[in-house]
Protein backbone atom coordinates (compact mmCIF):
# COMPACT_ATOMS: atom_id res chain seq x y z
CA UNK A 1 0.07 0.03 0.02
CA UNK A 2 1.31 3.41 -0.92
CA UNK A 3 0.24 6.87 -0.47
CA UNK A 4 1.76 10.07 -1.12
CA UNK A 5 1.99 13.31 1.13
CA UNK A 6 -0.41 15.90 -0.91
CA UNK A 7 1.35 19.22 -2.10
CA UNK A 8 0.87 21.95 -0.07
CA UNK A 9 0.94 20.00 3.24
CA UNK A 10 3.70 18.55 5.88
CA UNK A 11 3.58 15.36 7.34
CA UNK A 12 2.99 15.27 11.01
CA UNK A 13 5.63 13.32 12.76
CA UNK A 14 4.70 10.05 14.56
CA UNK A 15 1.46 10.28 12.78
CA UNK A 16 1.61 7.23 10.56
CA UNK A 17 -0.36 4.04 11.74
CA UNK A 18 -0.17 0.33 11.26
CA UNK A 19 4.23 0.73 10.85
CA UNK A 20 3.89 2.71 7.61
CA UNK A 21 7.42 3.81 6.41
CA UNK A 22 7.93 7.07 5.32
CA UNK A 23 10.56 8.22 2.62
CA UNK A 24 11.30 11.95 2.69
CA UNK A 25 12.78 12.10 -0.36
CA UNK A 26 9.89 10.98 -2.59
CA UNK A 27 7.45 12.09 0.07
CA UNK A 28 5.70 8.40 0.12
CA UNK A 29 4.01 6.36 2.73
CA UNK A 30 4.55 2.29 2.29
CA UNK A 31 2.67 -0.15 3.99
CA UNK A 32 2.81 -3.68 3.70
CA UNK A 33 0.38 -6.37 4.87
CA UNK A 34 1.33 -9.58 5.21
CA UNK A 35 -2.07 -11.26 5.17
CA UNK A 36 -5.79 -9.90 4.89
CA UNK A 37 -8.32 -12.82 5.28
CA UNK A 38 -11.29 -12.85 3.61
CA UNK A 39 -13.84 -10.39 5.35
CA UNK A 40 -11.32 -8.48 7.43
CA UNK A 41 -9.62 -4.93 6.97
CA UNK A 42 -6.84 -2.95 7.94
CA UNK A 43 -6.74 0.38 8.90
CA UNK A 44 -4.09 2.45 7.88
CA UNK A 45 -3.62 6.09 8.30
CA UNK A 46 -1.42 9.27 8.82
CA UNK A 47 -1.81 13.18 9.46
CA UNK A 48 -0.49 16.42 7.64
CA UNK A 49 -0.76 20.15 8.66
CA UNK A 50 -1.72 22.34 5.77
CA UNK A 51 1.20 24.81 4.98
CA UNK A 52 0.64 26.09 1.46
CA UNK A 53 -0.70 29.47 0.96
CA UNK A 54 -3.01 29.96 -2.03
CA UNK A 55 -4.78 32.95 -3.28
CA UNK A 56 -7.62 31.22 -4.16
CA UNK A 57 -9.67 28.29 -3.05
CA UNK A 58 -7.94 25.50 -4.27
CA UNK A 59 -8.62 21.05 -4.27
CA UNK A 60 -5.82 19.42 -2.27
CA UNK A 61 -6.44 15.94 -3.79
CA UNK A 62 -4.74 12.54 -2.43
CA UNK A 63 -4.64 9.13 -3.82
CA UNK A 64 -4.00 5.87 -2.17
CA UNK A 65 -2.80 2.60 -4.29
CA UNK A 66 -2.98 -0.68 -3.42
CA UNK A 67 -0.83 -3.36 -5.07
CA UNK A 68 -1.30 -7.04 -5.15
CA UNK A 69 0.08 -9.62 -7.44
CA UNK A 70 -0.24 -7.74 -10.94
CA UNK A 71 -3.05 -5.71 -10.11
CA UNK A 72 -3.24 -1.82 -8.82
CA UNK A 73 -6.37 -0.96 -6.44
CA UNK A 74 -6.86 2.90 -6.37
CA UNK A 75 -8.87 5.34 -4.64
CA UNK A 76 -8.67 9.45 -4.06
CA UNK A 77 -9.94 11.75 -1.36
CA UNK A 78 -9.85 15.78 -1.53
CA UNK A 79 -10.02 18.70 0.66
CA UNK A 80 -10.93 22.13 -0.52
CA UNK A 81 -8.55 24.96 0.48
CA UNK A 82 -10.10 27.73 2.05
CA UNK A 83 -7.74 30.74 1.56
CA UNK A 84 -7.27 33.40 4.42
CA UNK A 85 -7.74 36.49 3.08
CA UNK A 86 -5.64 39.43 4.80
CA UNK A 87 -3.60 42.27 4.00
CA UNK A 88 0.52 42.30 4.29
CA UNK A 89 1.59 45.78 4.91
CA UNK A 90 5.22 46.89 4.83
CA UNK A 91 6.62 50.30 5.24
CA UNK A 92 9.96 51.59 3.75
CA UNK A 93 11.58 55.02 4.13
CA UNK A 94 14.73 56.16 2.31
CA UNK A 95 16.44 59.65 1.75
CA UNK A 96 17.00 60.84 -1.92
CA UNK A 97 20.43 61.91 -1.05
CA UNK A 98 22.13 59.99 1.57
CA UNK A 99 24.89 63.14 1.78
CA UNK A 100 23.95 66.87 1.14
CA UNK A 101 25.67 70.24 2.58
CA UNK A 102 24.56 72.23 5.30
CA UNK A 103 21.87 74.48 4.54
CA UNK A 104 19.80 72.44 1.84
CA UNK A 105 16.71 70.40 2.80
CA UNK A 106 16.86 66.92 2.70
CA UNK A 107 14.06 64.87 1.00
CA UNK A 108 12.60 61.57 1.86
CA UNK A 109 10.35 58.80 0.22
CA UNK A 110 8.01 56.90 2.48
CA UNK A 111 6.74 53.64 0.59
CA UNK A 112 3.96 51.36 1.98
CA UNK A 113 3.26 48.07 0.12
CA UNK A 114 0.18 45.54 0.88
CA UNK A 115 1.69 42.04 -0.67
CA UNK A 116 -1.38 40.62 0.72
CA UNK A 117 -4.49 39.17 -0.77
CA UNK A 118 -6.99 41.50 0.76
CA UNK A 119 -7.52 45.30 1.09
CA UNK A 120 -6.03 46.99 4.22
CA UNK A 121 -8.89 49.89 5.37
CA UNK A 122 -8.25 53.16 7.31
CA UNK A 123 -4.32 53.12 7.23
CA UNK A 124 -2.38 55.86 8.79
CA UNK A 125 1.07 56.93 7.96
CA UNK A 126 3.16 59.30 10.25
CA UNK A 127 6.62 60.94 9.63
CA UNK A 128 8.17 62.07 12.63
CA UNK A 129 11.19 64.84 12.29
CA UNK A 130 11.91 65.16 16.28
CA UNK A 131 10.88 68.26 18.22
CA UNK A 132 12.94 71.55 18.81
CA UNK A 133 13.46 73.69 15.30
CA UNK A 134 12.96 70.67 13.37
CA UNK A 135 9.99 71.22 10.83
CA UNK A 136 8.29 69.43 8.21
CA UNK A 137 8.31 70.84 4.95
CA UNK A 138 6.40 70.26 1.67
CA UNK A 139 4.59 67.09 1.96
CA UNK A 140 3.12 65.22 -0.87
CA UNK A 141 -0.44 65.36 -1.73
CA UNK A 142 -2.68 64.36 1.42
CA UNK A 143 -0.21 64.89 3.73
CA UNK A 144 -1.46 67.16 6.89
CA UNK A 145 1.11 68.71 9.42
CA UNK A 146 0.65 67.74 13.18
CA UNK A 147 1.50 69.50 16.01
CA UNK A 148 4.19 72.41 15.59
CA UNK A 149 4.83 70.94 12.19
CA UNK A 150 6.64 67.98 13.64
CA UNK A 151 4.67 65.30 11.95
CA UNK A 152 2.92 64.67 8.91
CA UNK A 153 0.32 62.68 8.63
CA UNK A 154 -1.55 60.99 5.79
CA UNK A 155 -4.62 58.74 5.83
CA UNK A 156 -5.69 56.31 3.59
CA UNK A 157 -9.11 54.78 3.29
CA UNK A 158 -8.14 51.50 1.68
CA UNK A 159 -5.02 50.23 0.23
CA UNK A 160 -5.82 47.28 -2.14
CA UNK A 161 -4.13 43.96 -2.17
CA UNK A 162 -0.42 43.92 -4.29
CA UNK A 163 -0.99 48.08 -4.28
CA UNK A 164 1.85 50.34 -3.40
CA UNK A 165 1.60 54.01 -2.43
CA UNK A 166 4.18 56.55 -1.90
CA UNK A 167 4.65 59.88 0.32
CA UNK A 168 7.28 62.43 -0.24
CA UNK A 169 8.05 64.95 2.01
CA UNK A 170 11.33 67.48 2.93
CA UNK A 171 12.50 68.27 6.58
CA UNK A 172 14.14 71.63 7.61
CA UNK A 173 16.62 71.62 10.42
CA UNK A 174 18.10 74.60 12.26
CA UNK A 175 21.04 76.25 10.68
CA UNK A 176 23.11 74.86 13.82
CA UNK A 177 22.82 71.49 12.02
CA UNK A 178 26.03 70.92 9.82
CA UNK A 179 27.12 74.12 10.41
CA UNK A 180 30.53 72.86 12.09
CA UNK A 181 30.40 69.08 12.26
CA UNK A 182 29.18 66.59 10.23
CA UNK A 183 25.83 65.39 11.31
CA UNK A 184 24.27 62.10 11.27
CA UNK A 185 20.34 62.74 10.92
CA UNK A 186 17.56 60.00 11.94
CA UNK A 187 13.99 60.31 10.50
CA UNK A 188 11.16 58.19 11.36
CA UNK A 189 8.18 56.71 9.65
CA UNK A 190 5.36 54.84 11.03
CA UNK A 191 2.68 53.00 9.86
CA UNK A 192 -0.91 52.25 11.76
CA UNK A 193 -3.44 49.63 10.88
CA UNK A 194 -5.62 48.07 13.40
CA UNK A 195 -3.70 46.82 16.08
CA UNK A 196 -0.43 46.64 13.88
CA UNK A 197 2.46 49.11 14.05
CA UNK A 198 5.03 49.44 11.33
CA UNK A 199 8.05 51.48 11.36
CA UNK A 200 11.31 52.51 9.39
CA UNK A 201 14.28 54.97 9.32
CA UNK A 202 16.00 56.79 7.01
CA UNK A 203 19.67 58.32 7.65
CA UNK A 204 21.00 61.65 5.78
CA UNK A 205 24.72 62.87 6.69
CA UNK A 206 24.81 66.67 6.63
CA UNK A 207 28.01 68.23 5.54
CA UNK A 208 29.57 71.27 6.90
CA UNK A 209 29.84 74.16 4.72
CA UNK A 210 31.18 77.93 4.39
CA UNK A 211 29.14 80.29 5.56
CA UNK A 212 29.16 84.20 5.08
CA UNK A 213 25.14 84.94 5.47
CA UNK A 214 23.14 84.63 8.50
CA UNK A 215 19.43 85.38 8.67
CA UNK A 216 17.55 85.84 11.30
CA UNK A 217 13.29 85.94 10.98
CA UNK A 218 10.80 87.30 13.54
CA UNK A 219 7.30 88.33 14.27
CA UNK A 220 5.70 90.59 16.48
CA UNK A 221 2.96 88.50 18.27
CA UNK A 222 3.66 84.81 19.46
CA UNK A 223 -0.25 84.36 19.35
CA UNK A 224 -2.92 86.11 17.49
CA UNK A 225 -6.65 85.66 16.73
CA UNK A 226 -8.01 85.21 13.21
CA UNK A 227 -8.37 88.58 11.52
CA UNK A 228 -5.49 90.12 13.37
CA UNK A 229 -2.56 91.84 11.62
CA UNK A 230 1.13 90.35 11.85
CA UNK A 231 4.23 92.23 11.21
CA UNK A 232 7.19 90.05 10.11
CA UNK A 233 11.02 91.25 10.02
CA UNK A 234 13.72 89.37 8.33
CA UNK A 235 17.57 90.47 8.83
CA UNK A 236 20.25 89.14 7.10
CA UNK A 237 23.73 89.80 7.64
CA UNK A 238 26.99 89.27 5.48
CA UNK A 239 29.95 87.98 7.78
CA UNK A 240 32.19 87.99 4.68
CA UNK A 241 34.87 90.54 3.79
CA UNK A 242 33.06 91.30 0.53
CA UNK A 243 30.00 92.64 -0.42
CA UNK A 244 27.74 90.06 -2.55
CA UNK A 245 24.37 90.14 -4.03
CA UNK A 246 21.74 88.55 -2.22
CA UNK A 247 17.98 87.08 -2.44
CA UNK A 248 15.87 86.72 -0.16
CA UNK A 249 12.21 84.76 -0.15
CA UNK A 250 9.62 84.46 2.36
CA UNK A 251 6.82 81.63 2.17
CA UNK A 252 3.66 82.26 4.50
CA UNK A 253 1.60 79.72 5.53
CA UNK A 254 -1.75 78.75 4.70
CA UNK A 255 -4.47 81.15 5.85
CA UNK A 256 -2.32 84.32 5.70
CA UNK A 257 -2.04 86.89 3.32
CA UNK A 258 0.62 89.52 2.58
CA UNK A 259 -0.81 93.36 3.05
CA UNK A 260 0.15 95.11 -0.51
CA UNK A 261 2.21 98.33 0.38
CA UNK A 262 3.61 97.04 3.63
CA UNK A 263 6.55 95.38 1.78
CA UNK A 264 10.03 97.20 2.42
CA UNK A 265 12.91 97.53 0.35
CA UNK A 266 11.44 96.91 -2.84
CA UNK A 267 10.13 93.27 -2.12
CA UNK A 268 7.62 92.21 -4.37
CA UNK A 269 4.54 89.75 -3.91
CA UNK A 270 4.95 86.78 -6.42
CA UNK A 271 1.76 86.15 -8.25
CA UNK A 272 -0.09 83.63 -10.35
CA UNK A 273 -2.07 85.50 -12.88
CA UNK A 274 -4.13 87.53 -10.59
CA UNK A 275 -3.98 85.64 -7.81
CA UNK A 276 -1.25 86.19 -4.90
CA UNK A 277 1.05 83.12 -3.82
CA UNK A 278 2.61 82.76 -0.51
CA UNK A 279 5.83 83.92 -1.51
CA UNK A 280 7.55 87.49 -1.06
CA UNK A 281 10.78 87.79 -2.83
CA UNK A 282 13.32 90.66 -2.63
CA UNK A 283 16.81 91.22 -4.48
CA UNK A 284 19.41 93.22 -2.47
CA UNK A 285 21.89 94.27 -5.00
CA UNK A 286 24.84 94.29 -2.56
CA UNK A 287 24.63 93.20 0.70
CA UNK A 288 27.76 94.98 2.54
CA UNK A 289 29.98 93.08 5.07
CA UNK A 290 29.05 93.38 8.83
CA UNK A 291 26.02 95.79 8.12
CA UNK A 292 22.61 94.03 8.45
CA UNK A 293 19.45 94.73 6.42
CA UNK A 294 16.24 94.18 7.81
CA UNK A 295 13.19 93.86 5.64
CA UNK A 296 9.99 93.89 6.58
CA UNK A 297 6.22 93.28 5.62
CA UNK A 298 2.62 92.72 7.29
CA UNK A 299 0.07 90.21 6.97
CA UNK A 300 -3.29 89.58 7.69
CA UNK A 301 -4.51 86.15 8.96
CA UNK A 302 -7.57 85.38 7.15
CA UNK A 303 -8.47 81.62 8.05
CA UNK A 304 -6.81 78.49 9.84
CA UNK A 305 -7.18 74.91 10.31
CA UNK A 306 -9.49 74.36 13.40
CA UNK A 307 -9.76 76.67 16.43
CA UNK A 308 -6.15 76.59 16.97
CA UNK A 309 -3.63 76.31 14.79
CA UNK A 310 0.14 76.99 14.46
CA UNK A 311 1.73 79.08 11.81
CA UNK A 312 5.14 78.79 10.50
CA UNK A 313 6.54 81.18 8.20
CA UNK A 314 9.81 80.50 6.58
CA UNK A 315 12.48 82.82 5.17
CA UNK A 316 15.30 81.92 2.94
CA UNK A 317 18.33 83.92 1.68
CA UNK A 318 21.11 83.11 -0.46
CA UNK A 319 23.94 84.76 -1.75
CA UNK A 320 26.16 84.33 -5.15
CA UNK A 321 28.26 80.92 -4.60
CA UNK A 322 26.86 80.96 -0.95
CA UNK A 323 24.61 78.35 0.38
CA UNK A 324 21.33 79.40 1.34
CA UNK A 325 20.26 79.76 4.76
CA UNK A 326 16.76 79.93 6.55
CA UNK A 327 14.77 80.72 9.61
CA UNK A 328 11.28 80.24 10.98
CA UNK A 329 8.94 82.63 13.04
CA UNK A 330 6.41 80.89 14.36
CA UNK A 331 2.61 82.09 15.67
CA UNK A 332 -0.29 80.73 17.31
CA UNK A 333 -3.60 81.48 15.47
CA UNK A 334 -6.92 81.15 17.08
CA UNK A 335 -10.48 81.67 16.75
CA UNK A 336 -11.94 84.56 19.13
CA UNK A 337 -14.77 83.73 21.48
CA UNK A 338 -17.18 86.59 20.92
CA UNK A 339 -20.48 86.02 22.73
CA UNK A 340 -23.45 88.60 22.29
CA UNK A 341 -25.86 88.37 25.14
CA UNK A 342 -29.30 90.00 25.13
CA UNK A 343 -31.87 90.03 28.09
CA UNK A 344 -35.62 90.43 27.99
CA UNK A 345 -37.44 90.96 31.18
CA UNK A 346 -41.53 90.33 31.14
CA UNK A 347 -44.69 90.05 33.64
CA UNK A 348 -47.88 88.16 32.70
CA UNK A 349 -50.36 91.18 34.41
CA UNK A 350 -49.94 94.60 33.35
CA UNK A 351 -52.58 95.10 36.23
CA UNK A 352 -52.92 93.35 39.27
CA UNK A 353 -54.98 93.47 42.63
CA UNK A 354 -53.83 92.43 46.12
CA UNK A 355 -53.43 88.74 46.73
CA UNK A 356 -52.56 88.37 42.69
CA UNK A 357 -49.75 86.33 41.57
CA UNK A 358 -47.24 87.72 39.17
CA UNK A 359 -45.08 85.74 36.91
CA UNK A 360 -41.91 87.36 36.02
CA UNK A 361 -39.92 85.79 33.18
CA UNK A 362 -36.30 86.78 32.16
CA UNK A 363 -34.99 85.45 28.96
CA UNK A 364 -31.05 85.50 28.27
CA UNK A 365 -29.95 84.54 24.74
CA UNK A 366 -26.32 84.17 22.97
CA UNK A 367 -26.26 85.22 19.42
CA UNK A 368 -22.48 85.39 19.50
CA UNK A 369 -19.69 83.23 17.56
CA UNK A 370 -19.49 80.81 20.38
CA UNK A 371 -20.83 79.29 23.96
CA UNK A 372 -20.19 81.17 27.11
CA UNK A 373 -20.18 80.05 30.66
CA UNK A 374 -22.46 82.12 32.43
CA UNK A 375 -22.26 82.97 36.67
CA UNK A 376 -25.72 84.61 36.20
CA UNK A 377 -26.49 87.02 39.34
CA UNK A 378 -29.55 89.21 38.41
CA UNK A 379 -30.73 92.16 40.74
CA UNK A 380 -34.08 94.09 41.01
CA UNK A 381 -33.95 97.20 42.91
CA UNK A 382 -31.14 96.54 44.61
CA UNK A 383 -32.30 93.34 45.85
CA UNK A 384 -30.80 89.75 44.92
CA UNK A 385 -33.37 87.56 43.54
CA UNK A 386 -31.65 84.17 42.77
CA UNK A 387 -28.13 83.03 42.14
CA UNK A 388 -28.39 80.08 39.51
CA UNK A 389 -24.91 78.87 38.01
CA UNK A 390 -25.76 77.77 34.20
CA UNK A 391 -23.98 75.68 31.91
CA UNK A 392 -22.45 76.63 28.85
CA UNK A 393 -25.08 78.26 26.62
CA UNK A 394 -24.49 77.64 22.81
CA UNK A 395 -24.77 80.58 20.21
CA UNK A 396 -28.14 81.58 19.20
CA UNK A 397 -29.97 79.74 22.07
CA UNK A 398 -32.02 81.48 24.65
CA UNK A 399 -32.67 80.77 28.23
CA UNK A 400 -36.07 81.37 29.65
CA UNK A 401 -36.52 81.81 33.54
CA UNK A 402 -40.13 81.88 35.10
CA UNK A 403 -40.15 83.69 38.71
CA UNK A 404 -43.43 83.17 40.42
CA UNK A 405 -44.07 86.08 42.82
CA UNK A 406 -46.96 86.75 45.37
CA UNK A 407 -47.95 90.50 45.34
CA UNK A 408 -47.56 92.05 48.51
CA UNK A 409 -47.61 95.76 47.62
CA UNK A 410 -49.78 97.16 44.69
CA UNK A 411 -50.71 100.69 43.82
CA UNK A 412 -54.15 101.03 44.85
CA UNK A 413 -56.71 101.15 41.70
CA UNK A 414 -59.17 104.29 41.65
CA UNK A 415 -62.42 102.20 40.78
CA UNK A 416 -64.00 102.26 44.40
CA UNK A 417 -63.49 106.24 44.74
CA UNK A 418 -65.11 106.37 41.35
CA UNK A 419 -68.10 104.09 42.78
CA UNK A 420 -68.34 106.19 45.73
CA UNK A 421 -68.70 109.43 43.77
CA UNK A 422 -71.18 107.99 41.69
CA UNK A 423 -73.23 106.83 44.87
CA UNK A 424 -73.07 110.50 46.11
CA UNK A 425 -74.27 112.07 43.10
CA UNK A 426 -77.23 110.09 43.02
CA UNK A 427 -78.32 110.92 46.75
CA UNK A 428 -77.99 114.52 45.90
CA UNK A 429 -80.46 113.68 42.53
């Protein structure tokens, strides 16, 4: 009796019964039955583990051959292999250039591959550039800046089976990095899918380069509401012993608009057609040694992402045959809370008798931009009536207060006096 181990399976050690002998080279099991009496049978068996990974449903067939004299008796059986459909994600991060000169922006590419046989849903990729003065810059389509531009976040609703997606970004490091010594930068990327966390790193070496140009960027406000005006100043300094022409470019963050007519030193807003871009450009024909020049402009905050946003403004300066230098200025922008309150007081009776009950209603409404936390303490003729503490009251919502008060003192009505006068008149008649 001969049986073969099916393709895509592995024999389980010790599972062969009835003295069968396994040939691992040919993956065959052989049994020898010395005598099989009429009306009797022999139980032969073995067990395997399914190890093959198939992308589709597959039939695992198995045949047993019984040899007696010159005859062969055969039977087959089969099992349907049901594949496990699941995504297999991997992440890879590389630096476009392994070595760059100080003052240049290293560029990174992140690749996420799904080598599985099913789609991966709700995948998040996060690139972290570290804290401090490191800032992520120029992310590819779909990338959203995280807190203080220290991260970039991409989200994918679905990455199909066998699909590959790529993301790109640059990183802006402070000028101190690579200014004197060679610096090895490690940059991290993370992928999140369900409970799975993927990560990879990329290295870039920043080489020192001679610097004769310094730039210092400043803004007048560390925080400002939407609608406010910011004043930016960019100071450049030539530390060489000779003069050279210098170009300065300022890149405004999203939601900030340069105000024409406020740009000093002949700076020009860069336009695309009739639309203003985020760049302002200056050309200084001769930057003299050790004579700092400060260019400036004003900008208007017209929109932000969310209620609070970090506005990172970048200035880049470069001279002929000199590497670019850059600096940033950061402002926290926010949407101000401006409630607008109204109060209306009313009573249910314009005229009342002694003993009547007067029901007073006080309606408070907020038609402003946001909610207001109220501690309300109304006063009537100098006397405190009640002191409720009300929760957040949304905009355009009214609060109605009803005050039933018994009337203890009211004005005397002239009706009884008129009746008495009428009676006196009748008697005289």
